[in-house]
Each structure stands twice: as structure tokens, then as C-alpha cells.
């Protein structure tokens, strides 16, 4: 995972926030498919970065979400790009 740059507005530390947008269904193996949204939010001033969305497979038997890391990296890239545009 990439490094999250400080907030371009206040210099605060950003953190990853993910949210389930909607349930899509189940795949062939019975694992849930969910549309997820991921963005970076500043812990100090609550500024938000761009929203990265995509399909994630939630394998409850393994307690993990496959496909979430690329979304996290996309949200970090959007945040860092905005932070450097200052």
C-alpha cells in the first residue's frame, strides 16, 4: 500500500475510509459480491479525497475482502495527487 500524504489544507493525517455501497449478489462459490467505495479523509479538518469504487468479493469464511487493495491504492493516488496540486 502506498504512503498517504498530509492534508493539503491543514497538514493533518489522512486515513482510509471504506463503505459498502450496494450488494451485487453472490459468485459461483457463494461469496458475496459488493460494490465498495473507498476514500481518504483527513482526521483533523475532515477534508475528503476522491472516491474510488469497484466490485469486491467478500469471502466470509476467510474474513477478508478480495479486490479492496486496488481501490485503496486508487483512493490514495487521488488524495496524493490533490495534495501535490497545492
C-alpha atoms as a PDB file:
ATOM      1  CA  UNK A   1       0.000   0.000   0.000  1.00  0.00           C
ATOM      2  CA  UNK A   2       1.182   3.493  -0.820  1.00  0.00           C
ATOM      3  CA  UNK A   3       2.013   6.270   1.628  1.00  0.00           C
ATOM      4  CA  UNK A   4      -0.726   8.813   2.381  1.00  0.00           C
ATOM      5  CA  UNK A   5       0.492  12.417   2.164  1.00  0.00           C
ATOM      6  CA  UNK A   6      -0.606  15.029   4.730  1.00  0.00           C
ATOM      7  CA  UNK A   7      -3.796  17.009   4.142  1.00  0.00           C
ATOM      8  CA  UNK A   8      -3.264  19.869   1.654  1.00  0.00           C
ATOM      9  CA  UNK A   9      -5.485  22.165   3.737  1.00  0.00           C
ATOM     10  CA  UNK A  10      -4.423  21.665   7.354  1.00  0.00           C
ATOM     11  CA  UNK A  11      -1.467  19.239   7.242  1.00  0.00           C
ATOM     12  CA  UNK A  12      -3.425  16.634   9.220  1.00  0.00           C
ATOM     13  CA  UNK A  13      -3.079  12.894   8.800  1.00  0.00           C
ATOM     14  CA  UNK A  14      -5.403  11.194   6.326  1.00  0.00           C
ATOM     15  CA  UNK A  15      -6.915   7.766   6.915  1.00  0.00           C
ATOM     16  CA  UNK A  16      -8.659   5.266   4.657  1.00  0.00           C
ATOM     17  CA  UNK A  17     -12.431   5.061   4.877  1.00  0.00           C
ATOM     18  CA  UNK A  18     -14.361   2.324   3.083  1.00  0.00           C
ATOM     19  CA  UNK A  19     -18.097   1.871   2.741  1.00  0.00           C
ATOM     20  CA  UNK A  20     -20.344  -0.745   1.205  1.00  0.00           C
ATOM     21  CA  UNK A  21     -22.397   0.977  -1.481  1.00  0.00           C
ATOM     22  CA  UNK A  22     -24.632  -1.899  -2.510  1.00  0.00           C
ATOM     23  CA  UNK A  23     -24.940  -5.652  -2.532  1.00  0.00           C
ATOM     24  CA  UNK A  24     -24.468  -7.119  -6.019  1.00  0.00           C
ATOM     25  CA  UNK A  25     -25.036 -10.823  -5.431  1.00  0.00           C
ATOM     26  CA  UNK A  26     -23.040 -13.998  -4.949  1.00  0.00           C
ATOM     27  CA  UNK A  27     -20.411 -15.556  -7.154  1.00  0.00           C
ATOM     28  CA  UNK A  28     -20.221 -19.194  -8.246  1.00  0.00           C
ATOM     29  CA  UNK A  29     -18.620 -20.210  -4.914  1.00  0.00           C
ATOM     30  CA  UNK A  30     -21.229 -18.441  -2.769  1.00  0.00           C
ATOM     31  CA  UNK A  31     -19.047 -15.484  -1.739  1.00  0.00           C
ATOM     32  CA  UNK A  32     -20.793 -12.095  -1.597  1.00  0.00           C
ATOM     33  CA  UNK A  33     -20.025  -9.504  -4.271  1.00  0.00           C
ATOM     34  CA  UNK A  34     -20.326  -5.933  -3.029  1.00  0.00           C
ATOM     35  CA  UNK A  35     -19.796  -2.548  -4.667  1.00  0.00           C
ATOM     36  CA  UNK A  36     -17.427  -0.641  -2.366  1.00  0.00           C
ATOM     37  CA  UNK A  37     -16.382   2.985  -2.144  1.00  0.00           C
ATOM     38  CA  UNK A  38     -13.009   3.965  -0.678  1.00  0.00           C
ATOM     39  CA  UNK A  39     -11.667   7.451   0.029  1.00  0.00           C
ATOM     40  CA  UNK A  40      -9.155   9.232   2.223  1.00  0.00           C
ATOM     41  CA  UNK A  41     -10.475  11.514   4.978  1.00  0.00           C
ATOM     42  CA  UNK A  42      -8.388  13.986   6.983  1.00  0.00           C
ATOM     43  CA  UNK A  43      -8.529  13.224  10.700  1.00  0.00           C
ATOM     44  CA  UNK A  44      -8.269  16.914  11.612  1.00  0.00           C
ATOM     45  CA  UNK A  45     -10.362  19.023   9.196  1.00  0.00           C
ATOM     46  CA  UNK A  46     -12.409  16.145   7.661  1.00  0.00           C
ATOM     47  CA  UNK A  47     -11.440  17.040   4.059  1.00  0.00           C
ATOM     48  CA  UNK A  48     -12.169  14.175   1.674  1.00  0.00           C
ATOM     49  CA  UNK A  49     -10.302  12.849  -1.340  1.00  0.00           C
ATOM     50  CA  UNK A  50     -11.734  11.341  -4.496  1.00  0.00           C
ATOM     51  CA  UNK A  51     -13.945   8.272  -4.198  1.00  0.00           C
ATOM     52  CA  UNK A  52     -12.632   5.049  -5.747  1.00  0.00           C
ATOM     53  CA  UNK A  53     -15.380   2.498  -6.407  1.00  0.00           C
ATOM     54  CA  UNK A  54     -15.360  -1.080  -7.569  1.00  0.00           C
ATOM     55  CA  UNK A  55     -16.562  -4.616  -7.019  1.00  0.00           C
ATOM     56  CA  UNK A  56     -15.167  -6.520  -4.046  1.00  0.00           C
ATOM     57  CA  UNK A  57     -15.656 -10.194  -3.227  1.00  0.00           C
ATOM     58  CA  UNK A  58     -16.220 -10.811   0.470  1.00  0.00           C
ATOM     59  CA  UNK A  59     -15.181 -14.314   1.448  1.00  0.00           C
ATOM     60  CA  UNK A  60     -16.787 -14.618   4.882  1.00  0.00           C
ATOM     61  CA  UNK A  61     -15.142 -17.952   5.550  1.00  0.00           C
ATOM     62  CA  UNK A  62     -11.750 -16.227   5.314  1.00  0.00           C
ATOM     63  CA  UNK A  63     -12.916 -12.900   6.804  1.00  0.00           C
ATOM     64  CA  UNK A  64     -11.286 -10.953   4.019  1.00  0.00           C
ATOM     65  CA  UNK A  65     -12.275  -8.837   1.067  1.00  0.00           C
ATOM     66  CA  UNK A  66     -10.628  -9.575  -2.249  1.00  0.00           C
ATOM     67  CA  UNK A  67     -10.222  -6.618  -4.561  1.00  0.00           C
ATOM     68  CA  UNK A  68     -10.165  -3.940  -1.859  1.00  0.00           C
ATOM     69  CA  UNK A  69      -6.438  -3.156  -2.107  1.00  0.00           C
ATOM     70  CA  UNK A  70      -6.603  -1.720  -5.664  1.00  0.00           C
ATOM     71  CA  UNK A  71      -9.441   0.552  -4.524  1.00  0.00           C
ATOM     72  CA  UNK A  72      -7.405   1.695  -1.528  1.00  0.00           C
ATOM     73  CA  UNK A  73      -4.432   2.426  -3.790  1.00  0.00           C
ATOM     74  CA  UNK A  74      -6.677   4.386  -6.174  1.00  0.00           C
ATOM     75  CA  UNK A  75      -8.042   6.496  -3.312  1.00  0.00           C
ATOM     76  CA  UNK A  76      -4.510   7.155  -2.029  1.00  0.00           C
ATOM     77  CA  UNK A  77      -3.350   8.174  -5.516  1.00  0.00           C
ATOM     78  CA  UNK A  78      -6.282  10.617  -5.833  1.00  0.00           C
ATOM     79  CA  UNK A  79      -5.536  12.081  -2.385  1.00  0.00           C
ATOM     80  CA  UNK A  80      -1.810  12.390  -3.012  1.00  0.00           C
ATOM     81  CA  UNK A  81      -2.373  13.971  -6.436  1.00  0.00           C
ATOM     82  CA  UNK A  82      -4.616  16.610  -4.867  1.00  0.00           C
ATOM     83  CA  UNK A  83      -2.151  17.148  -2.032  1.00  0.00           C
ATOM     84  CA  UNK A  84       0.656  17.852  -4.526  1.00  0.00           C
ATOM     85  CA  UNK A  85      -1.502  20.245  -6.631  1.00  0.00           C
ATOM     86  CA  UNK A  86      -1.397  22.806  -3.850  1.00  0.00           C
END
